[in-house]
Amino acid sequence: MPSKSEAQILLEKADKKANSSTGWFSSASTKFEEAGDLYQQAANSFKIDKLFREAGDAHAREAECREKSQESNEAAQAWWNAAKAYKRGYPDLAIQALSQTITHLTKAGRFRQAADREKEIGQIYLQEQNDLRKACDSYERAAEWYAQEDAQATANACYKDAADLHAELEQYPQAIARYEQVADGSLSSPLTKYSVKEYWLRASLCALAMGDPVTTKRNLTKYSSLDTTFSSTREAKFVNVLIEALEAGDQEMFTGAVYEFDQVTKLDNWKTNILLKIKRGIQEEPSVL
């Protein structure tokens, strides 16, 4: 019979404490506080043994004890600790634990921290589960909370991530609206102004992916009126050539423009993917005899 581990002994103690009846002189809340402390110790001991599922479960039980003894802040922390343990291979459980954390944080009006946890959920959906739609929803929610807490730069970063995902899901109007919103928010600050042309480029590529050069042109005019330097940027010139190629149904011109742009500014995966979609649109144009 193998001897029990330190973590296992602590877990049994915690279970015993949580399920014990309260005596004359101790309150139920004291009982759950003590059980919570034991579950926390058990969780830490499981982490030392690299048993992350068990550590997460122990933190979750700790959190339930904290809730029973009305310690909302401690409960939020315990759920977050559970999530961190579950992140080591149990993404579904990590998302559930983070959602519990968020419930406590929003009730306490701690929206900045709630936004941090919501962003973590978005990252798990994206990186672990490849669920773009749910990731997008989480980034949008996090962005709204950051914005209401005046963390504008962080909100913009989340809105930009959401816009990228809207585009990948081919929800181009939503993507354009988000890119334009982030650009508007970045125009006023000298620190972020340089990145505006990138957002407008992405918005323009979304409009072209919809096969709509007319809207793309109209948007370019609007962007140039918001920032007079924009029309002379490489980004604006690039979009103009793409519009021309699309209207002429000229694939070679399109490929040449993409190649030239890539020589100076390396295309990331997102741009490469959307440019391929736009190019397919040119192929599908019926040829006029």
Protein backbone atom coordinates (compact mmCIF):
# COMPACT_ATOMS: atom_id res chain seq x y z
CA MET A 1 0.00 0.00 0.00
CA PRO A 2 1.74 3.25 -1.11
CA SER A 3 1.82 5.90 1.58
CA LYS A 4 -0.37 8.96 1.06
CA SER A 5 1.20 12.12 -0.26
CA GLU A 6 1.32 15.31 1.77
CA ALA A 7 -1.26 16.81 -0.61
CA GLN A 8 -3.62 13.85 -0.19
CA ILE A 9 -3.43 14.07 3.62
CA LEU A 10 -4.21 17.83 3.52
CA LEU A 11 -7.10 17.24 1.12
CA GLU A 12 -8.66 14.66 3.44
CA LYS A 13 -8.25 17.02 6.40
CA ALA A 14 -9.95 19.78 4.40
CA ASP A 15 -12.84 17.49 3.39
CA LYS A 16 -13.27 16.41 7.00
CA LYS A 17 -13.29 20.02 8.22
CA ALA A 18 -15.75 21.15 5.51
CA ASN A 19 -18.15 18.29 6.31
CA SER A 20 -17.88 18.48 10.10
CA SER A 21 -20.78 19.69 12.20
CA THR A 22 -20.18 22.96 13.98
CA GLY A 23 -19.85 22.73 17.72
CA TRP A 24 -21.32 25.03 20.36
CA PHE A 25 -18.52 27.57 20.25
CA SER A 26 -17.57 27.76 16.56
CA SER A 27 -19.59 29.29 13.74
CA ALA A 28 -20.15 27.73 10.32
CA SER A 29 -18.19 30.57 8.77
CA THR A 30 -15.11 29.74 10.90
CA LYS A 31 -15.41 26.11 9.82
CA PHE A 32 -15.41 27.05 6.13
CA GLU A 33 -12.57 29.52 6.58
CA GLU A 34 -10.43 26.78 8.14
CA ALA A 35 -11.45 24.24 5.47
CA GLY A 36 -10.62 26.83 2.80
CA ASP A 37 -7.14 27.29 4.24
CA LEU A 38 -6.58 23.51 4.22
CA TYR A 39 -7.79 23.19 0.59
CA GLN A 40 -5.39 26.00 -0.35
CA GLN A 41 -2.48 24.17 1.31
CA ALA A 42 -3.49 20.94 -0.43
CA ALA A 43 -3.62 22.75 -3.78
CA ASN A 44 -0.13 24.17 -3.29
CA SER A 45 1.14 20.74 -2.34
CA PHE A 46 -0.38 19.21 -5.50
CA LYS A 47 1.38 21.92 -7.54
CA ILE A 48 4.73 20.89 -6.05
CA ASP A 49 3.95 17.34 -7.25
CA LYS A 50 2.97 18.79 -10.68
CA LEU A 51 -0.57 17.41 -10.32
CA PHE A 52 -2.33 20.39 -11.86
CA ARG A 53 -5.78 18.90 -12.31
CA GLU A 54 -5.85 17.96 -8.60
CA ALA A 55 -4.46 21.40 -7.66
CA GLY A 56 -7.20 23.10 -9.68
CA ASP A 57 -9.89 20.94 -8.05
CA ALA A 58 -8.54 21.76 -4.56
CA HIS A 59 -8.55 25.51 -5.33
CA ALA A 60 -12.12 25.19 -6.66
CA ARG A 61 -13.18 23.58 -3.37
CA GLU A 62 -11.32 26.30 -1.52
CA ALA A 63 -13.29 28.88 -3.53
CA GLU A 64 -16.59 27.25 -2.58
CA CYS A 65 -15.60 27.42 1.12
CA ARG A 66 -14.67 31.11 0.72
CA GLU A 67 -18.11 31.73 -0.81
CA LYS A 68 -19.81 29.98 2.10
CA SER A 69 -17.93 32.15 4.59
CA GLN A 70 -18.84 35.29 2.56
CA GLU A 71 -15.23 36.10 1.63
CA SER A 72 -15.85 37.30 -1.91
CA ASN A 73 -12.35 38.68 -2.61
CA GLU A 74 -10.71 35.48 -1.39
CA ALA A 75 -13.19 33.43 -3.46
CA ALA A 76 -12.29 35.41 -6.59
CA GLN A 77 -8.59 34.78 -5.91
CA ALA A 78 -9.16 31.06 -5.27
CA TRP A 79 -11.08 30.64 -8.55
CA TRP A 80 -8.27 32.44 -10.36
CA ASN A 81 -5.70 30.15 -8.74
CA ALA A 82 -7.83 27.19 -9.87
CA ALA A 83 -7.84 28.59 -13.41
CA LYS A 84 -4.05 28.97 -13.43
CA ALA A 85 -3.66 25.32 -12.43
CA TYR A 86 -6.26 24.15 -14.97
CA LYS A 87 -4.49 26.11 -17.71
CA ARG A 88 -1.84 23.39 -17.62
CA GLY A 89 -3.81 21.05 -19.88
CA TYR A 90 -7.50 21.55 -18.93
CA PRO A 91 -8.71 24.55 -20.95
CA ASP A 92 -12.46 23.88 -20.43
CA LEU A 93 -12.06 23.85 -16.65
CA ALA A 94 -9.83 26.94 -16.81
CA ILE A 95 -12.57 28.84 -18.66
CA GLN A 96 -15.20 27.76 -16.08
CA ALA A 97 -12.98 28.86 -13.18
CA LEU A 98 -12.19 32.20 -14.84
CA SER A 99 -15.93 32.80 -15.39
CA GLN A 100 -16.51 32.27 -11.66
CA THR A 101 -13.69 34.74 -10.90
CA ILE A 102 -15.31 37.31 -13.19
CA THR A 103 -18.68 36.94 -11.44
CA HIS A 104 -17.07 37.90 -8.11
CA LEU A 105 -15.01 40.73 -9.62
CA THR A 106 -17.92 42.40 -11.46
CA LYS A 107 -20.14 42.18 -8.36
CA ALA A 108 -17.39 44.01 -6.45
CA GLY A 109 -17.10 46.61 -9.23
CA ARG A 110 -13.54 45.50 -10.06
CA PHE A 111 -14.00 45.75 -13.81
CA ARG A 112 -10.34 46.29 -14.62
CA GLN A 113 -9.44 42.89 -13.13
CA ALA A 114 -12.57 41.33 -14.67
CA ALA A 115 -11.37 42.56 -18.06
CA ASP A 116 -7.94 40.95 -17.47
CA ARG A 117 -9.60 37.60 -16.73
CA GLU A 118 -12.01 37.91 -19.69
CA LYS A 119 -9.03 38.55 -21.96
CA GLU A 120 -7.44 35.36 -20.60
CA ILE A 121 -10.61 33.47 -21.57
CA GLY A 122 -10.30 34.92 -25.08
CA GLN A 123 -6.70 33.71 -25.30
CA ILE A 124 -7.67 30.18 -24.21
CA TYR A 125 -10.48 30.02 -26.78
CA LEU A 126 -8.08 31.22 -29.45
CA GLN A 127 -4.90 29.30 -28.63
CA GLU A 128 -6.20 26.10 -27.04
CA GLN A 129 -9.57 25.58 -28.69
CA ASN A 130 -9.33 27.49 -31.96
CA ASP A 131 -12.83 28.87 -31.32
CA LEU A 132 -12.55 32.24 -33.07
CA ARG A 133 -16.14 33.27 -32.46
CA LYS A 134 -16.02 32.81 -28.68
CA ALA A 135 -12.54 34.37 -28.53
CA CYS A 136 -13.90 37.38 -30.41
CA ASP A 137 -16.82 37.76 -27.94
CA SER A 138 -14.41 37.64 -24.98
CA TYR A 139 -12.07 40.26 -26.48
CA GLU A 140 -15.03 42.57 -27.15
CA ARG A 141 -16.33 42.18 -23.58
CA ALA A 142 -12.87 42.75 -22.12
CA ALA A 143 -12.43 45.84 -24.30
CA GLU A 144 -15.72 47.36 -23.09
CA TRP A 145 -14.70 46.88 -19.45
CA TYR A 146 -11.22 48.33 -20.06
CA ALA A 147 -12.79 51.32 -21.81
CA GLN A 148 -15.17 52.05 -18.93
CA GLU A 149 -12.20 51.90 -16.54
CA ASP A 150 -10.34 54.46 -18.68
CA ALA A 151 -7.70 51.93 -19.75
CA GLN A 152 -8.03 53.12 -23.33
CA ALA A 153 -4.80 51.68 -24.77
CA THR A 154 -5.59 48.21 -23.41
CA ALA A 155 -9.20 48.52 -24.64
CA ASN A 156 -7.93 49.42 -28.12
CA ALA A 157 -5.58 46.42 -28.18
CA CYS A 158 -8.52 44.12 -27.36
CA TYR A 159 -10.80 45.78 -29.94
CA LYS A 160 -8.02 45.34 -32.52
CA ASP A 161 -7.74 41.62 -31.65
CA ALA A 162 -11.53 41.34 -31.96
CA ALA A 163 -11.41 43.11 -35.34
CA ASP A 164 -8.76 40.66 -36.62
CA LEU A 165 -11.02 37.76 -35.58
CA HIS A 166 -14.16 39.32 -37.13
CA ALA A 167 -12.22 39.51 -40.39
CA GLU A 168 -11.06 35.89 -40.14
CA LEU A 169 -14.70 34.91 -39.58
CA GLU A 170 -15.50 36.98 -42.73
CA GLN A 171 -17.64 39.37 -40.66
CA TYR A 172 -16.13 42.26 -42.59
CA PRO A 173 -18.52 45.12 -41.67
CA GLN A 174 -17.98 44.41 -37.94
CA ALA A 175 -14.21 44.23 -38.50
CA ILE A 176 -14.17 47.57 -40.38
CA ALA A 177 -16.23 49.25 -37.65
CA ARG A 178 -13.80 48.05 -34.96
CA TYR A 179 -10.65 49.05 -36.90
CA GLU A 180 -12.11 52.52 -37.50
CA GLN A 181 -13.05 52.83 -33.82
CA VAL A 182 -9.48 51.93 -32.75
CA ALA A 183 -8.03 54.33 -35.33
CA ASP A 184 -10.29 57.16 -34.07
CA GLY A 185 -9.15 56.44 -30.51
CA SER A 186 -5.49 56.49 -31.59
CA LEU A 187 -5.55 59.69 -33.68
CA SER A 188 -5.57 62.05 -30.71
CA SER A 189 -2.39 60.78 -29.06
CA PRO A 190 1.10 61.37 -30.49
CA LEU A 191 2.12 58.00 -29.03
CA THR A 192 -0.46 56.00 -30.95
CA LYS A 193 -0.94 58.16 -34.02
CA TYR A 194 1.71 56.27 -36.01
CA SER A 195 -0.34 53.03 -35.81
CA VAL A 196 -3.48 54.55 -37.37
CA LYS A 197 -2.39 53.83 -40.95
CA GLU A 198 -2.11 50.13 -40.04
CA TYR A 199 -5.73 50.04 -38.79
CA TRP A 200 -6.97 51.86 -41.89
CA LEU A 201 -5.03 49.47 -44.11
CA ARG A 202 -6.70 46.51 -42.41
CA ALA A 203 -10.14 48.13 -42.69
CA SER A 204 -9.50 48.78 -46.41
CA LEU A 205 -8.45 45.16 -47.02
CA CYS A 206 -11.71 44.03 -45.35
CA ALA A 207 -13.71 46.25 -47.71
CA LEU A 208 -11.81 44.79 -50.69
CA ALA A 209 -12.43 41.26 -49.39
CA MET A 210 -16.14 42.09 -49.61
CA GLY A 211 -15.48 42.78 -53.31
CA ASP A 212 -16.49 46.40 -52.80
CA PRO A 213 -13.98 48.83 -54.35
CA VAL A 214 -16.56 51.66 -54.21
CA THR A 215 -16.81 51.52 -50.40
CA THR A 216 -13.03 51.10 -50.19
CA LYS A 217 -12.52 54.34 -52.17
CA ARG A 218 -15.08 56.19 -50.11
CA ASN A 219 -13.39 55.03 -46.90
CA LEU A 220 -9.95 56.11 -48.17
CA THR A 221 -11.33 59.60 -48.79
CA LYS A 222 -12.77 59.65 -45.27
CA TYR A 223 -9.44 58.51 -43.74
CA SER A 224 -7.53 61.17 -45.68
CA SER A 225 -9.86 63.84 -44.35
CA LEU A 226 -9.19 62.64 -40.76
CA ASP A 227 -5.42 62.65 -41.31
CA THR A 228 -4.11 64.61 -44.28
CA THR A 229 -0.79 62.73 -44.28
CA PHE A 230 -2.51 59.39 -44.88
CA SER A 231 -2.91 59.65 -48.66
CA SER A 232 0.87 59.89 -49.13
CA THR A 233 1.61 56.76 -47.03
CA ARG A 234 2.71 53.46 -48.55
CA GLU A 235 -0.42 51.89 -47.06
CA ALA A 236 -2.79 54.23 -48.89
CA LYS A 237 -0.87 53.90 -52.16
CA PHE A 238 -0.94 50.12 -51.82
CA VAL A 239 -4.73 50.08 -51.35
CA ASN A 240 -5.18 52.35 -54.39
CA VAL A 241 -3.25 49.94 -56.62
CA LEU A 242 -5.26 47.00 -55.26
CA ILE A 243 -8.50 48.86 -56.06
CA GLU A 244 -7.24 49.48 -59.59
CA ALA A 245 -6.27 45.82 -60.04
CA LEU A 246 -9.62 44.64 -58.69
CA GLU A 247 -11.58 46.98 -60.99
CA ALA A 248 -9.47 45.94 -63.99
CA GLY A 249 -9.65 42.24 -63.04
CA ASP A 250 -5.87 42.27 -63.40
CA GLN A 251 -4.24 39.53 -61.32
CA GLU A 252 -0.70 40.32 -62.39
CA MET A 253 -1.03 43.93 -61.29
CA PHE A 254 -2.45 42.70 -57.97
CA THR A 255 0.37 40.19 -57.39
CA GLY A 256 2.98 42.80 -58.34
CA ALA A 257 1.59 45.30 -55.83
CA VAL A 258 1.54 42.70 -53.06
CA TYR A 259 5.12 41.62 -53.85
CA GLU A 260 6.36 45.21 -53.82
CA PHE A 261 4.66 46.05 -50.53
CA ASP A 262 6.01 42.87 -48.91
CA GLN A 263 9.59 43.81 -49.91
CA VAL A 264 9.49 46.81 -47.57
CA THR A 265 6.90 45.80 -44.96
CA LYS A 266 6.74 42.05 -44.33
CA LEU A 267 3.16 40.81 -44.61
CA ASP A 268 1.90 39.04 -41.48
CA ASN A 269 -0.32 35.93 -41.66
CA TRP A 270 -3.51 37.93 -41.27
CA LYS A 271 -2.72 40.17 -44.28
CA THR A 272 -1.49 37.24 -46.37
CA ASN A 273 -4.75 35.35 -45.76
CA ILE A 274 -7.02 38.27 -46.57
CA LEU A 275 -5.01 39.19 -49.69
CA LEU A 276 -5.47 35.61 -50.94
CA LYS A 277 -9.23 35.99 -50.44
CA ILE A 278 -9.21 39.28 -52.38
CA LYS A 279 -7.17 37.68 -55.17
CA ARG A 280 -9.66 34.83 -55.44
CA GLY A 281 -12.32 37.50 -55.92
CA ILE A 282 -10.43 38.75 -58.99
CA GLN A 283 -10.29 35.21 -60.39
CA GLU A 284 -14.02 34.88 -60.01
CA GLU A 285 -14.77 38.01 -62.02
CA PRO A 286 -16.41 36.92 -65.30
CA SER A 287 -14.26 37.93 -68.25
CA VAL A 288 -15.92 40.37 -70.60
CA LEU A 289 -15.76 39.15 -74.21
